[in-house]
Amino acid sequence: MNLAIIQLRAYTLTGAYTGKFADLVELVALAIMGKIHSVVSKRFTLDKVNEALENLKAGKIIGRAVLNP
């Protein structure tokens, strides 16, 4: 995504920011050790992006949905 056009295209970026840098370092270390795993409940190809958004809005996605090019 070209960050320079976000304002021109009226895109909205939504995210979460919590914790300190030390928390991130600890989280990455735990992931490297295999002690935590991300839950990917569904994968979508880019041509199914609208289906992914509909599922997300309907609350049908538990964990993470991943878009693969």
PDB file of N, CA and C in Angstrom:
ATOM      1  N   MET A   1       0.849  -1.169   0.000  1.00  0.00           N
ATOM      2  CA  MET A   1       0.000   0.000   0.000  1.00  0.00           C
ATOM      3  C   MET A   1       0.895   1.233   0.000  1.00  0.00           C
ATOM      4  N   ASN A   2       0.593   2.136  -0.870  1.00  0.00           N
ATOM      5  CA  ASN A   2       1.329   3.388  -0.942  1.00  0.00           C
ATOM      6  C   ASN A   2       0.807   4.321   0.144  1.00  0.00           C
ATOM      7  N   LEU A   3       1.602   4.567   1.174  1.00  0.00           N
ATOM      8  CA  LEU A   3       1.152   5.375   2.310  1.00  0.00           C
ATOM      9  C   LEU A   3       0.867   6.820   1.927  1.00  0.00           C
ATOM     10  N   ALA A   4       1.460   7.293   0.850  1.00  0.00           N
ATOM     11  CA  ALA A   4       1.262   8.685   0.450  1.00  0.00           C
ATOM     12  C   ALA A   4      -0.161   8.958  -0.038  1.00  0.00           C
ATOM     13  N   ILE A   5      -0.869   7.919  -0.520  1.00  0.00           N
ATOM     14  CA  ILE A   5      -2.214   8.165  -1.063  1.00  0.00           C
ATOM     15  C   ILE A   5      -3.342   7.822  -0.088  1.00  0.00           C
ATOM     16  N   ILE A   6      -3.007   7.455   1.128  1.00  0.00           N
ATOM     17  CA  ILE A   6      -4.051   7.094   2.091  1.00  0.00           C
ATOM     18  C   ILE A   6      -5.047   8.229   2.267  1.00  0.00           C
ATOM     19  N   GLN A   7      -4.570   9.429   2.445  1.00  0.00           N
ATOM     20  CA  GLN A   7      -5.477  10.566   2.644  1.00  0.00           C
ATOM     21  C   GLN A   7      -6.245  10.894   1.378  1.00  0.00           C
ATOM     22  N   LEU A   8      -5.617  10.762   0.238  1.00  0.00           N
ATOM     23  CA  LEU A   8      -6.285  11.088  -1.022  1.00  0.00           C
ATOM     24  C   LEU A   8      -7.411  10.114  -1.340  1.00  0.00           C
ATOM     25  N   ARG A   9      -7.238   8.868  -0.971  1.00  0.00           N
ATOM     26  CA  ARG A   9      -8.237   7.844  -1.266  1.00  0.00           C
ATOM     27  C   ARG A   9      -9.218   7.618  -0.112  1.00  0.00           C
ATOM     28  N   ALA A  10      -9.064   8.349   0.974  1.00  0.00           N
ATOM     29  CA  ALA A  10      -9.929   8.231   2.155  1.00  0.00           C
ATOM     30  C   ALA A  10      -9.895   6.829   2.761  1.00  0.00           C
ATOM     31  N   TYR A  11      -8.728   6.179   2.702  1.00  0.00           N
ATOM     32  CA  TYR A  11      -8.559   4.884   3.351  1.00  0.00           C
ATOM     33  C   TYR A  11      -8.550   5.075   4.864  1.00  0.00           C
ATOM     34  N   THR A  12      -8.950   4.061   5.569  1.00  0.00           N
ATOM     35  CA  THR A  12      -8.875   4.049   7.018  1.00  0.00           C
ATOM     36  C   THR A  12      -8.017   2.868   7.446  1.00  0.00           C
ATOM     37  N   LEU A  13      -7.017   3.127   8.252  1.00  0.00           N
ATOM     38  CA  LEU A  13      -6.197   2.068   8.815  1.00  0.00           C
ATOM     39  C   LEU A  13      -6.612   1.869  10.261  1.00  0.00           C
ATOM     40  N   THR A  14      -6.903   0.646  10.618  1.00  0.00           N
ATOM     41  CA  THR A  14      -7.320   0.344  11.971  1.00  0.00           C
ATOM     42  C   THR A  14      -6.363  -0.678  12.565  1.00  0.00           C
ATOM     43  N   GLY A  15      -5.961  -0.442  13.768  1.00  0.00           N
ATOM     44  CA  GLY A  15      -5.052  -1.379  14.409  1.00  0.00           C
ATOM     45  C   GLY A  15      -5.146  -1.243  15.913  1.00  0.00           C
ATOM     46  N   ALA A  16      -4.303  -1.954  16.581  1.00  0.00           N
ATOM     47  CA  ALA A  16      -4.275  -1.903  18.031  1.00  0.00           C
ATOM     48  C   ALA A  16      -2.839  -1.676  18.480  1.00  0.00           C
ATOM     49  N   TYR A  17      -2.662  -0.838  19.444  1.00  0.00           N
ATOM     50  CA  TYR A  17      -1.333  -0.587  19.990  1.00  0.00           C
ATOM     51  C   TYR A  17      -1.408  -0.772  21.490  1.00  0.00           C
ATOM     52  N   THR A  18      -0.751  -1.780  21.972  1.00  0.00           N
ATOM     53  CA  THR A  18      -0.683  -2.003  23.417  1.00  0.00           C
ATOM     54  C   THR A  18       0.694  -2.529  23.760  1.00  0.00           C
ATOM     55  N   GLY A  19       1.080  -2.315  24.954  1.00  0.00           N
ATOM     56  CA  GLY A  19       2.332  -2.866  25.432  1.00  0.00           C
ATOM     57  C   GLY A  19       3.533  -1.989  25.148  1.00  0.00           C
ATOM     58  N   LYS A  20       4.643  -2.483  25.629  1.00  0.00           N
ATOM     59  CA  LYS A  20       5.920  -1.795  25.472  1.00  0.00           C
ATOM     60  C   LYS A  20       6.789  -2.585  24.504  1.00  0.00           C
ATOM     61  N   PHE A  21       7.906  -1.987  24.097  1.00  0.00           N
ATOM     62  CA  PHE A  21       8.822  -2.673  23.193  1.00  0.00           C
ATOM     63  C   PHE A  21       9.320  -3.973  23.818  1.00  0.00           C
ATOM     64  N   ALA A  22       9.550  -3.961  25.113  1.00  0.00           N
ATOM     65  CA  ALA A  22      10.015  -5.180  25.795  1.00  0.00           C
ATOM     66  C   ALA A  22       8.976  -6.294  25.677  1.00  0.00           C
ATOM     67  N   ASP A  23       7.686  -5.928  25.694  1.00  0.00           N
ATOM     68  CA  ASP A  23       6.625  -6.924  25.525  1.00  0.00           C
ATOM     69  C   ASP A  23       6.698  -7.558  24.139  1.00  0.00           C
ATOM     70  N   LEU A  24       6.969  -6.737  23.124  1.00  0.00           N
ATOM     71  CA  LEU A  24       7.098  -7.246  21.763  1.00  0.00           C
ATOM     72  C   LEU A  24       8.277  -8.203  21.654  1.00  0.00           C
ATOM     73  N   VAL A  25       9.393  -7.833  22.249  1.00  0.00           N
ATOM     74  CA  VAL A  25      10.580  -8.692  22.225  1.00  0.00           C
ATOM     75  C   VAL A  25      10.267 -10.036  22.882  1.00  0.00           C
ATOM     76  N   GLU A  26       9.577  -9.999  24.015  1.00  0.00           N
ATOM     77  CA  GLU A  26       9.208 -11.239  24.705  1.00  0.00           C
ATOM     78  C   GLU A  26       8.248 -12.070  23.862  1.00  0.00           C
ATOM     79  N   LEU A  27       7.293 -11.420  23.221  1.00  0.00           N
ATOM     80  CA  LEU A  27       6.323 -12.123  22.376  1.00  0.00           C
ATOM     81  C   LEU A  27       7.013 -12.814  21.205  1.00  0.00           C
ATOM     82  N   VAL A  28       7.927 -12.128  20.552  1.00  0.00           N
ATOM     83  CA  VAL A  28       8.661 -12.720  19.434  1.00  0.00           C
ATOM     84  C   VAL A  28       9.500 -13.899  19.917  1.00  0.00           C
ATOM     85  N   ALA A  29      10.119 -13.762  21.072  1.00  0.00           N
ATOM     86  CA  ALA A  29      10.914 -14.863  21.624  1.00  0.00           C
ATOM     87  C   ALA A  29      10.037 -16.087  21.889  1.00  0.00           C
ATOM     88  N   LEU A  30       8.850 -15.877  22.431  1.00  0.00           N
ATOM     89  CA  LEU A  30       7.926 -16.989  22.682  1.00  0.00           C
ATOM     90  C   LEU A  30       7.491 -17.647  21.377  1.00  0.00           C
ATOM     91  N   ALA A  31       7.255 -16.835  20.347  1.00  0.00           N
ATOM     92  CA  ALA A  31       6.862 -17.390  19.049  1.00  0.00           C
ATOM     93  C   ALA A  31       8.000 -18.206  18.441  1.00  0.00           C
ATOM     94  N   ILE A  32       9.227 -17.710  18.552  1.00  0.00           N
ATOM     95  CA  ILE A  32      10.385 -18.437  18.028  1.00  0.00           C
ATOM     96  C   ILE A  32      10.547 -19.777  18.737  1.00  0.00           C
ATOM     97  N   MET A  33      10.274 -19.810  20.030  1.00  0.00           N
ATOM     98  CA  MET A  33      10.381 -21.055  20.799  1.00  0.00           C
ATOM     99  C   MET A  33       9.214 -21.999  20.531  1.00  0.00           C
ATOM    100  N   GLY A  34       8.213 -21.524  19.788  1.00  0.00           N
ATOM    101  CA  GLY A  34       7.069 -22.372  19.466  1.00  0.00           C
ATOM    102  C   GLY A  34       6.048 -22.482  20.583  1.00  0.00           C
ATOM    103  N   LYS A  35       6.089 -21.551  21.532  1.00  0.00           N
ATOM    104  CA  LYS A  35       5.179 -21.618  22.675  1.00  0.00           C
ATOM    105  C   LYS A  35       3.836 -20.942  22.410  1.00  0.00           C
ATOM    106  N   ILE A  36       3.755 -20.137  21.368  1.00  0.00           N
ATOM    107  CA  ILE A  36       2.476 -19.528  20.998  1.00  0.00           C
ATOM    108  C   ILE A  36       2.269 -19.704  19.494  1.00  0.00           C
ATOM    109  N   HIS A  37       1.024 -19.776  19.101  1.00  0.00           N
ATOM    110  CA  HIS A  37       0.685 -19.974  17.697  1.00  0.00           C
ATOM    111  C   HIS A  37      -0.492 -19.074  17.343  1.00  0.00           C
ATOM    112  N   SER A  38      -0.442 -18.515  16.173  1.00  0.00           N
ATOM    113  CA  SER A  38      -1.547 -17.710  15.672  1.00  0.00           C
ATOM    114  C   SER A  38      -2.640 -18.647  15.172  1.00  0.00           C
ATOM    115  N   VAL A  39      -3.878 -18.294  15.423  1.00  0.00           N
ATOM    116  CA  VAL A  39      -5.007 -19.095  14.964  1.00  0.00           C
ATOM    117  C   VAL A  39      -5.475 -18.528  13.627  1.00  0.00           C
ATOM    118  N   VAL A  40      -5.234 -19.272  12.558  1.00  0.00           N
ATOM    119  CA  VAL A  40      -5.731 -18.888  11.235  1.00  0.00           C
ATOM    120  C   VAL A  40      -6.914 -19.791  10.951  1.00  0.00           C
ATOM    121  N   SER A  41      -8.111 -19.201  10.998  1.00  0.00           N
ATOM    122  CA  SER A  41      -9.303 -20.024  10.834  1.00  0.00           C
ATOM    123  C   SER A  41      -9.696 -20.195   9.373  1.00  0.00           C
ATOM    124  N   LYS A  42      -9.295 -19.244   8.529  1.00  0.00           N
ATOM    125  CA  LYS A  42      -9.684 -19.350   7.134  1.00  0.00           C
ATOM    126  C   LYS A  42      -8.704 -18.590   6.254  1.00  0.00           C
ATOM    127  N   ARG A  43      -8.470 -19.116   5.064  1.00  0.00           N
ATOM    128  CA  ARG A  43      -7.612 -18.459   4.084  1.00  0.00           C
ATOM    129  C   ARG A  43      -8.442 -18.146   2.848  1.00  0.00           C
ATOM    130  N   PHE A  44      -8.194 -16.960   2.283  1.00  0.00           N
ATOM    131  CA  PHE A  44      -8.913 -16.522   1.093  1.00  0.00           C
ATOM    132  C   PHE A  44      -7.913 -16.087   0.033  1.00  0.00           C
ATOM    133  N   THR A  45      -8.238 -16.333  -1.226  1.00  0.00           N
ATOM    134  CA  THR A  45      -7.459 -15.750  -2.314  1.00  0.00           C
ATOM    135  C   THR A  45      -7.957 -14.324  -2.518  1.00  0.00           C
ATOM    136  N   LEU A  46      -7.177 -13.520  -3.215  1.00  0.00           N
ATOM    137  CA  LEU A  46      -7.553 -12.119  -3.375  1.00  0.00           C
ATOM    138  C   LEU A  46      -8.883 -11.944  -4.115  1.00  0.00           C
ATOM    139  N   ASP A  47      -9.222 -12.854  -5.003  1.00  0.00           N
ATOM    140  CA  ASP A  47     -10.502 -12.724  -5.706  1.00  0.00           C
ATOM    141  C   ASP A  47     -11.691 -13.024  -4.788  1.00  0.00           C
ATOM    142  N   LYS A  48     -11.445 -13.532  -3.604  1.00  0.00           N
ATOM    143  CA  LYS A  48     -12.505 -13.812  -2.620  1.00  0.00           C
ATOM    144  C   LYS A  48     -12.508 -12.790  -1.489  1.00  0.00           C
ATOM    145  N   VAL A  49     -11.899 -11.630  -1.702  1.00  0.00           N
ATOM    146  CA  VAL A  49     -11.787 -10.630  -0.641  1.00  0.00           C
ATOM    147  C   VAL A  49     -13.156 -10.161  -0.159  1.00  0.00           C
ATOM    148  N   ASN A  50     -14.131 -10.025  -1.057  1.00  0.00           N
ATOM    149  CA  ASN A  50     -15.470  -9.599  -0.630  1.00  0.00           C
ATOM    150  C   ASN A  50     -16.133 -10.646   0.260  1.00  0.00           C
ATOM    151  N   GLU A  51     -15.929 -11.905  -0.068  1.00  0.00           N
ATOM    152  CA  GLU A  51     -16.446 -12.986   0.781  1.00  0.00           C
ATOM    153  C   GLU A  51     -15.790 -12.935   2.158  1.00  0.00           C
ATOM    154  N   ALA A  52     -14.507 -12.672   2.200  1.00  0.00           N
ATOM    155  CA  ALA A  52     -13.792 -12.569   3.468  1.00  0.00           C
ATOM    156  C   ALA A  52     -14.356 -11.428   4.308  1.00  0.00           C
ATOM    157  N   LEU A  53     -14.595 -10.287   3.689  1.00  0.00           N
ATOM    158  CA  LEU A  53     -15.157  -9.148   4.419  1.00  0.00           C
ATOM    159  C   LEU A  53     -16.567  -9.435   4.926  1.00  0.00           C
ATOM    160  N   GLU A  54     -17.367 -10.095   4.114  1.00  0.00           N
ATOM    161  CA  GLU A  54     -18.727 -10.455   4.550  1.00  0.00           C
ATOM    162  C   GLU A  54     -18.670 -11.402   5.744  1.00  0.00           C
ATOM    163  N   ASN A  55     -17.789 -12.398   5.683  1.00  0.00           N
ATOM    164  CA  ASN A  55     -17.638 -13.326   6.811  1.00  0.00           C
ATOM    165  C   ASN A  55     -17.164 -12.607   8.064  1.00  0.00           C
ATOM    166  N   LEU A  56     -16.254 -11.667   7.878  1.00  0.00           N
ATOM    167  CA  LEU A  56     -15.742 -10.902   9.013  1.00  0.00           C
ATOM    168  C   LEU A  56     -16.851 -10.070   9.655  1.00  0.00           C
ATOM    169  N   LYS A  57     -17.611  -9.364   8.827  1.00  0.00           N
ATOM    170  CA  LYS A  57     -18.712  -8.535   9.339  1.00  0.00           C
ATOM    171  C   LYS A  57     -19.787  -9.372  10.017  1.00  0.00           C
ATOM    172  N   ALA A  58     -20.010 -10.588   9.513  1.00  0.00           N
ATOM    173  CA  ALA A  58     -21.042 -11.467  10.072  1.00  0.00           C
ATOM    174  C   ALA A  58     -20.564 -12.222  11.302  1.00  0.00           C
ATOM    175  N   GLY A  59     -19.305 -12.045  11.685  1.00  0.00           N
ATOM    176  CA  GLY A  59     -18.779 -12.731  12.858  1.00  0.00           C
ATOM    177  C   GLY A  59     -18.510 -14.203  12.634  1.00  0.00           C
ATOM    178  N   LYS A  60     -18.317 -14.601  11.383  1.00  0.00           N
ATOM    179  CA  LYS A  60     -18.087 -16.017  11.059  1.00  0.00           C
ATOM    180  C   LYS A  60     -16.617 -16.401  11.124  1.00  0.00           C
ATOM    181  N   ILE A  61     -15.748 -15.438  11.398  1.00  0.00           N
ATOM    182  CA  ILE A  61     -14.319 -15.730  11.442  1.00  0.00           C
ATOM    183  C   ILE A  61     -13.845 -15.699  12.886  1.00  0.00           C
ATOM    184  N   ILE A  62     -13.317 -16.828  13.335  1.00  0.00           N
ATOM    185  CA  ILE A  62     -12.758 -16.926  14.680  1.00  0.00           C
ATOM    186  C   ILE A  62     -11.254 -17.015  14.501  1.00  0.00           C
ATOM    187  N   GLY A  63     -10.528 -16.180  15.176  1.00  0.00           N
ATOM    188  CA  GLY A  63      -9.074 -16.145  15.000  1.00  0.00           C
ATOM    189  C   GLY A  63      -8.726 -15.154  13.909  1.00  0.00           C
ATOM    190  N   ARG A  64      -7.961 -15.596  12.941  1.00  0.00           N
ATOM    191  CA  ARG A  64      -7.486 -14.720  11.860  1.00  0.00           C
ATOM    192  C   ARG A  64      -7.926 -15.261  10.507  1.00  0.00           C
ATOM    193  N   ALA A  65      -8.225 -14.342   9.622  1.00  0.00           N
ATOM    194  CA  ALA A  65      -8.429 -14.680   8.221  1.00  0.00           C
ATOM    195  C   ALA A  65      -7.227 -14.131   7.468  1.00  0.00           C
ATOM    196  N   VAL A  66      -6.755 -14.891   6.496  1.00  0.00           N
ATOM    197  CA  VAL A  66      -5.556 -14.517   5.756  1.00  0.00           C
ATOM    198  C   VAL A  66      -5.917 -14.412   4.284  1.00  0.00           C
ATOM    199  N   LEU A  67      -5.466 -13.308   3.662  1.00  0.00           N
ATOM    200  CA  LEU A  67      -5.623 -13.148   2.215  1.00  0.00           C
ATOM    201  C   LEU A  67      -4.311 -13.519   1.553  1.00  0.00           C
ATOM    202  N   ASN A  68      -4.364 -14.475   0.637  1.00  0.00           N
ATOM    203  CA  ASN A  68      -3.166 -14.902  -0.097  1.00  0.00           C
ATOM    204  C   ASN A  68      -3.283 -14.438  -1.543  1.00  0.00           C
ATOM    205  N   PRO A  69      -2.225 -13.807  -2.054  1.00  0.00           N
ATOM    206  CA  PRO A  69      -2.272 -13.377  -3.455  1.00  0.00           C
ATOM    207  C   PRO A  69      -2.262 -14.554  -4.409  1.00  0.00           C
TER     208      PRO A  69
END
